[in-house]
């Protein structure tokens, strides 16, 4: 046996690692989500009674995204008009869903890819949307699905 099998094994290993990276890509890091949630607990969410929400009562989905325009995200309700344009930077997009709308799923954090964010509609703040910029450690927008405003596209 020659050196050919070694090269083939190395190539197979590299391809396997690239495949795993592709599956993992788009999932926000735990530290970024932790920073987001610390801020979100104090953030005045548009449309929420008194501006506050209790994180511990939601199933919380977070995904990385690099949108050029808000319409790239296919949000169910657009962000408030004052939300700064995304410009292709990496953001964490959150969708917080009341467990009633998820079949009684336990509240908690779910780090997912963008295409795995649930498409759920509910009245009031049964669904809350969040846009967070991890580079600035800043929430750009947080609003209830029922809140309707013109997006900055």
Foldseek 3Di string as FASTA:
>chain_A
DDCVVVVVVVVVVVVVVVVVCVQVPFFDDPVLVVLVVVVLQVAQAAQAVVSGDDQQQWAKEKTKDFDQAQVVLVDLAAFAAQQDGRNRAIKIKMKTAGCVQVVNDHHDYDGHHSVPHDDTDDPGQNIKIWIADSVVSGTRHIYGSNDHHDYDD
